[in-house]
Amino acid sequence: MKTGRKVKIPDIGPLATVVQSGRNMVKLELEGEQFWMPVELLEVEEKEVA
């Protein structure tokens, strides 16, 4: 998963930003906090088509 990509954590409102990508985990930033989360728990947001 690319750094800077916006992802959705189910049941949490705002989108999180990928800060660092690992094998099965990604480091996310959400509202000023950074934490690691398993990739399988995330939903990737689709890019808007203009």
PDB file of N, CA and C in Angstrom:
ATOM      1  N   MET A   1       0.849  -1.163   0.000  1.00  0.00           N
ATOM      2  CA  MET A   1       0.000   0.000   0.000  1.00  0.00           C
ATOM      3  C   MET A   1       0.903   1.236   0.000  1.00  0.00           C
ATOM      4  N   LYS A   2       0.606   2.210  -0.849  1.00  0.00           N
ATOM      5  CA  LYS A   2       1.477   3.367  -1.013  1.00  0.00           C
ATOM      6  C   LYS A   2       1.329   4.384   0.114  1.00  0.00           C
ATOM      7  N   THR A   3       2.449   4.987   0.477  1.00  0.00           N
ATOM      8  CA  THR A   3       2.463   6.059   1.461  1.00  0.00           C
ATOM      9  C   THR A   3       1.640   7.234   0.938  1.00  0.00           C
ATOM     10  N   GLY A   4       0.864   7.850   1.806  1.00  0.00           N
ATOM     11  CA  GLY A   4       0.035   8.986   1.425  1.00  0.00           C
ATOM     12  C   GLY A   4      -1.371   8.606   0.997  1.00  0.00           C
ATOM     13  N   ARG A   5      -1.614   7.329   0.797  1.00  0.00           N
ATOM     14  CA  ARG A   5      -2.939   6.871   0.386  1.00  0.00           C
ATOM     15  C   ARG A   5      -3.928   7.006   1.538  1.00  0.00           C
ATOM     16  N   LYS A   6      -5.154   7.369   1.231  1.00  0.00           N
ATOM     17  CA  LYS A   6      -6.218   7.480   2.222  1.00  0.00           C
ATOM     18  C   LYS A   6      -6.937   6.143   2.330  1.00  0.00           C
ATOM     19  N   VAL A   7      -7.136   5.681   3.561  1.00  0.00           N
ATOM     20  CA  VAL A   7      -7.827   4.426   3.795  1.00  0.00           C
ATOM     21  C   VAL A   7      -8.916   4.623   4.841  1.00  0.00           C
ATOM     22  N   LYS A   8      -9.901   3.766   4.808  1.00  0.00           N
ATOM     23  CA  LYS A   8     -11.021   3.811   5.746  1.00  0.00           C
ATOM     24  C   LYS A   8     -10.890   2.649   6.712  1.00  0.00           C
ATOM     25  N   ILE A   9     -11.058   2.964   7.993  1.00  0.00           N
ATOM     26  CA  ILE A   9     -11.120   1.939   9.019  1.00  0.00           C
ATOM     27  C   ILE A   9     -12.601   1.750   9.306  1.00  0.00           C
ATOM     28  N   PRO A  10     -13.168   0.575   9.021  1.00  0.00           N
ATOM     29  CA  PRO A  10     -14.598   0.370   9.237  1.00  0.00           C
ATOM     30  C   PRO A  10     -15.017   0.783  10.651  1.00  0.00           C
ATOM     31  N   ASP A  11     -16.181   1.410  10.749  1.00  0.00           N
ATOM     32  CA  ASP A  11     -16.763   1.880  12.007  1.00  0.00           C
ATOM     33  C   ASP A  11     -16.074   3.101  12.599  1.00  0.00           C
ATOM     34  N   ILE A  12     -15.124   3.694  11.876  1.00  0.00           N
ATOM     35  CA  ILE A  12     -14.501   4.949  12.313  1.00  0.00           C
ATOM     36  C   ILE A  12     -14.730   5.963  11.203  1.00  0.00           C
ATOM     37  N   GLY A  13     -15.176   7.146  11.544  1.00  0.00           N
ATOM     38  CA  GLY A  13     -15.579   8.153  10.574  1.00  0.00           C
ATOM     39  C   GLY A  13     -14.532   8.649   9.598  1.00  0.00           C
ATOM     40  N   PRO A  14     -13.525   9.419  10.055  1.00  0.00           N
ATOM     41  CA  PRO A  14     -12.599  10.041   9.104  1.00  0.00           C
ATOM     42  C   PRO A  14     -11.646   9.051   8.461  1.00  0.00           C
ATOM     43  N   LEU A  15     -11.073   9.458   7.338  1.00  0.00           N
ATOM     44  CA  LEU A  15     -10.091   8.631   6.646  1.00  0.00           C
ATOM     45  C   LEU A  15      -8.733   8.757   7.321  1.00  0.00           C
ATOM     46  N   ALA A  16      -7.964   7.692   7.308  1.00  0.00           N
ATOM     47  CA  ALA A  16      -6.604   7.689   7.836  1.00  0.00           C
ATOM     48  C   ALA A  16      -5.631   7.743   6.661  1.00  0.00           C
ATOM     49  N   THR A  17      -4.430   8.244   6.908  1.00  0.00           N
ATOM     50  CA  THR A  17      -3.396   8.346   5.883  1.00  0.00           C
ATOM     51  C   THR A  17      -2.307   7.319   6.159  1.00  0.00           C
ATOM     52  N   VAL A  18      -1.905   6.593   5.116  1.00  0.00           N
ATOM     53  CA  VAL A  18      -0.824   5.608   5.246  1.00  0.00           C
ATOM     54  C   VAL A  18       0.503   6.360   5.373  1.00  0.00           C
ATOM     55  N   VAL A  19       1.240   6.096   6.454  1.00  0.00           N
ATOM     56  CA  VAL A  19       2.525   6.734   6.706  1.00  0.00           C
ATOM     57  C   VAL A  19       3.667   5.802   6.314  1.00  0.00           C
ATOM     58  N   GLN A  20       3.506   4.513   6.586  1.00  0.00           N
ATOM     59  CA  GLN A  20       4.543   3.521   6.289  1.00  0.00           C
ATOM     60  C   GLN A  20       3.859   2.192   6.014  1.00  0.00           C
ATOM     61  N   SER A  21       4.415   1.450   5.076  1.00  0.00           N
ATOM     62  CA  SER A  21       3.815   0.182   4.700  1.00  0.00           C
ATOM     63  C   SER A  21       4.752  -0.965   5.053  1.00  0.00           C
ATOM     64  N   GLY A  22       4.194  -2.000   5.665  1.00  0.00           N
ATOM     65  CA  GLY A  22       4.958  -3.202   5.978  1.00  0.00           C
ATOM     66  C   GLY A  22       4.384  -4.373   5.207  1.00  0.00           C
ATOM     67  N   ARG A  23       4.789  -5.579   5.566  1.00  0.00           N
ATOM     68  CA  ARG A  23       4.337  -6.765   4.852  1.00  0.00           C
ATOM     69  C   ARG A  23       2.836  -6.992   5.038  1.00  0.00           C
ATOM     70  N   ASN A  24       2.372  -7.092   6.260  1.00  0.00           N
ATOM     71  CA  ASN A  24       0.952  -7.329   6.533  1.00  0.00           C
ATOM     72  C   ASN A  24       0.334  -6.229   7.378  1.00  0.00           C
ATOM     73  N   MET A  25       1.129  -5.197   7.677  1.00  0.00           N
ATOM     74  CA  MET A  25       0.679  -4.105   8.539  1.00  0.00           C
ATOM     75  C   MET A  25       0.989  -2.782   7.853  1.00  0.00           C
ATOM     76  N   VAL A  26       0.225  -1.757   8.182  1.00  0.00           N
ATOM     77  CA  VAL A  26       0.529  -0.407   7.719  1.00  0.00           C
ATOM     78  C   VAL A  26       0.497   0.529   8.920  1.00  0.00           C
ATOM     79  N   LYS A  27       1.362   1.521   8.879  1.00  0.00           N
ATOM     80  CA  LYS A  27       1.363   2.553   9.910  1.00  0.00           C
ATOM     81  C   LYS A  27       0.480   3.670   9.402  1.00  0.00           C
ATOM     82  N   LEU A  28      -0.511   4.032  10.195  1.00  0.00           N
ATOM     83  CA  LEU A  28      -1.493   5.038   9.799  1.00  0.00           C
ATOM     84  C   LEU A  28      -1.377   6.275  10.670  1.00  0.00           C
ATOM     85  N   GLU A  29      -1.846   7.401  10.121  1.00  0.00           N
ATOM     86  CA  GLU A  29      -1.989   8.614  10.911  1.00  0.00           C
ATOM     87  C   GLU A  29      -3.448   9.024  10.841  1.00  0.00           C
ATOM     88  N   LEU A  30      -4.027   9.247  12.007  1.00  0.00           N
ATOM     89  CA  LEU A  30      -5.430   9.641  12.103  1.00  0.00           C
ATOM     90  C   LEU A  30      -5.551  10.649  13.226  1.00  0.00           C
ATOM     91  N   GLU A  31      -5.957  11.849  12.876  1.00  0.00           N
ATOM     92  CA  GLU A  31      -6.149  12.933  13.843  1.00  0.00           C
ATOM     93  C   GLU A  31      -4.922  13.147  14.722  1.00  0.00           C
ATOM     94  N   GLY A  32      -3.734  13.161  14.091  1.00  0.00           N
ATOM     95  CA  GLY A  32      -2.493  13.456  14.794  1.00  0.00           C
ATOM     96  C   GLY A  32      -1.845  12.280  15.504  1.00  0.00           C
ATOM     97  N   GLU A  33      -2.482  11.122  15.517  1.00  0.00           N
ATOM     98  CA  GLU A  33      -1.938   9.931  16.163  1.00  0.00           C
ATOM     99  C   GLU A  33      -1.471   8.942  15.104  1.00  0.00           C
ATOM    100  N   GLN A  34      -0.339   8.278  15.349  1.00  0.00           N
ATOM    101  CA  GLN A  34       0.160   7.251  14.442  1.00  0.00           C
ATOM    102  C   GLN A  34       0.113   5.898  15.134  1.00  0.00           C
ATOM    103  N   PHE A  35      -0.285   4.879  14.374  1.00  0.00           N
ATOM    104  CA  PHE A  35      -0.399   3.527  14.925  1.00  0.00           C
ATOM    105  C   PHE A  35      -0.335   2.509  13.795  1.00  0.00           C
ATOM    106  N   TRP A  36       0.015   1.268  14.151  1.00  0.00           N
ATOM    107  CA  TRP A  36       0.076   0.163  13.190  1.00  0.00           C
ATOM    108  C   TRP A  36      -1.253  -0.578  13.192  1.00  0.00           C
ATOM    109  N   MET A  37      -1.658  -1.053  12.008  1.00  0.00           N
ATOM    110  CA  MET A  37      -2.912  -1.790  11.880  1.00  0.00           C
ATOM    111  C   MET A  37      -2.759  -2.846  10.783  1.00  0.00           C
ATOM    112  N   PRO A  38      -3.358  -4.025  10.957  1.00  0.00           N
ATOM    113  CA  PRO A  38      -3.305  -5.054   9.903  1.00  0.00           C
ATOM    114  C   PRO A  38      -4.009  -4.577   8.627  1.00  0.00           C
ATOM    115  N   VAL A  39      -3.412  -4.873   7.498  1.00  0.00           N
ATOM    116  CA  VAL A  39      -3.951  -4.462   6.198  1.00  0.00           C
ATOM    117  C   VAL A  39      -5.361  -5.006   5.973  1.00  0.00           C
ATOM    118  N   GLU A  40      -5.618  -6.237   6.420  1.00  0.00           N
ATOM    119  CA  GLU A  40      -6.916  -6.859   6.135  1.00  0.00           C
ATOM    120  C   GLU A  40      -8.086  -6.157   6.828  1.00  0.00           C
ATOM    121  N   LEU A  41      -7.815  -5.281   7.784  1.00  0.00           N
ATOM    122  CA  LEU A  41      -8.890  -4.560   8.470  1.00  0.00           C
ATOM    123  C   LEU A  41      -9.242  -3.233   7.806  1.00  0.00           C
ATOM    124  N   LEU A  42      -8.542  -2.871   6.735  1.00  0.00           N
ATOM    125  CA  LEU A  42      -8.737  -1.583   6.096  1.00  0.00           C
ATOM    126  C   LEU A  42      -9.507  -1.689   4.786  1.00  0.00           C
ATOM    127  N   GLU A  43     -10.168  -0.597   4.443  1.00  0.00           N
ATOM    128  CA  GLU A  43     -10.818  -0.463   3.140  1.00  0.00           C
ATOM    129  C   GLU A  43     -10.104   0.655   2.405  1.00  0.00           C
ATOM    130  N   VAL A  44      -9.689   0.389   1.170  1.00  0.00           N
ATOM    131  CA  VAL A  44      -8.994   1.395   0.370  1.00  0.00           C
ATOM    132  C   VAL A  44     -10.030   2.283  -0.294  1.00  0.00           C
ATOM    133  N   GLU A  45      -9.853   3.591  -0.139  1.00  0.00           N
ATOM    134  CA  GLU A  45     -10.759   4.549  -0.770  1.00  0.00           C
ATOM    135  C   GLU A  45     -10.435   4.663  -2.257  1.00  0.00           C
ATOM    136  N   GLU A  46     -11.472   4.700  -3.082  1.00  0.00           N
ATOM    137  CA  GLU A  46     -11.295   4.861  -4.517  1.00  0.00           C
ATOM    138  C   GLU A  46     -11.023   6.327  -4.816  1.00  0.00           C
ATOM    139  N   LYS A  47     -10.158   6.568  -5.815  1.00  0.00           N
ATOM    140  CA  LYS A  47      -9.883   7.944  -6.226  1.00  0.00           C
ATOM    141  C   LYS A  47     -11.094   8.494  -6.970  1.00  0.00           C
ATOM    142  N   GLU A  48     -11.384   9.785  -6.742  1.00  0.00           N
ATOM    143  CA  GLU A  48     -12.497  10.418  -7.450  1.00  0.00           C
ATOM    144  C   GLU A  48     -12.110  10.662  -8.893  1.00  0.00           C
ATOM    145  N   VAL A  49     -13.044  10.429  -9.790  1.00  0.00           N
ATOM    146  CA  VAL A  49     -12.811  10.679 -11.209  1.00  0.00           C
ATOM    147  C   VAL A  49     -13.437  12.007 -11.552  1.00  0.00           C
ATOM    148  N   ALA A  50     -12.604  12.942 -12.042  1.00  0.00           N
ATOM    149  CA  ALA A  50     -13.113  14.299 -12.353  1.00  0.00           C
ATOM    150  C   ALA A  50     -13.579  14.382 -13.781  1.00  0.00           C
TER     151      ALA A  50
END
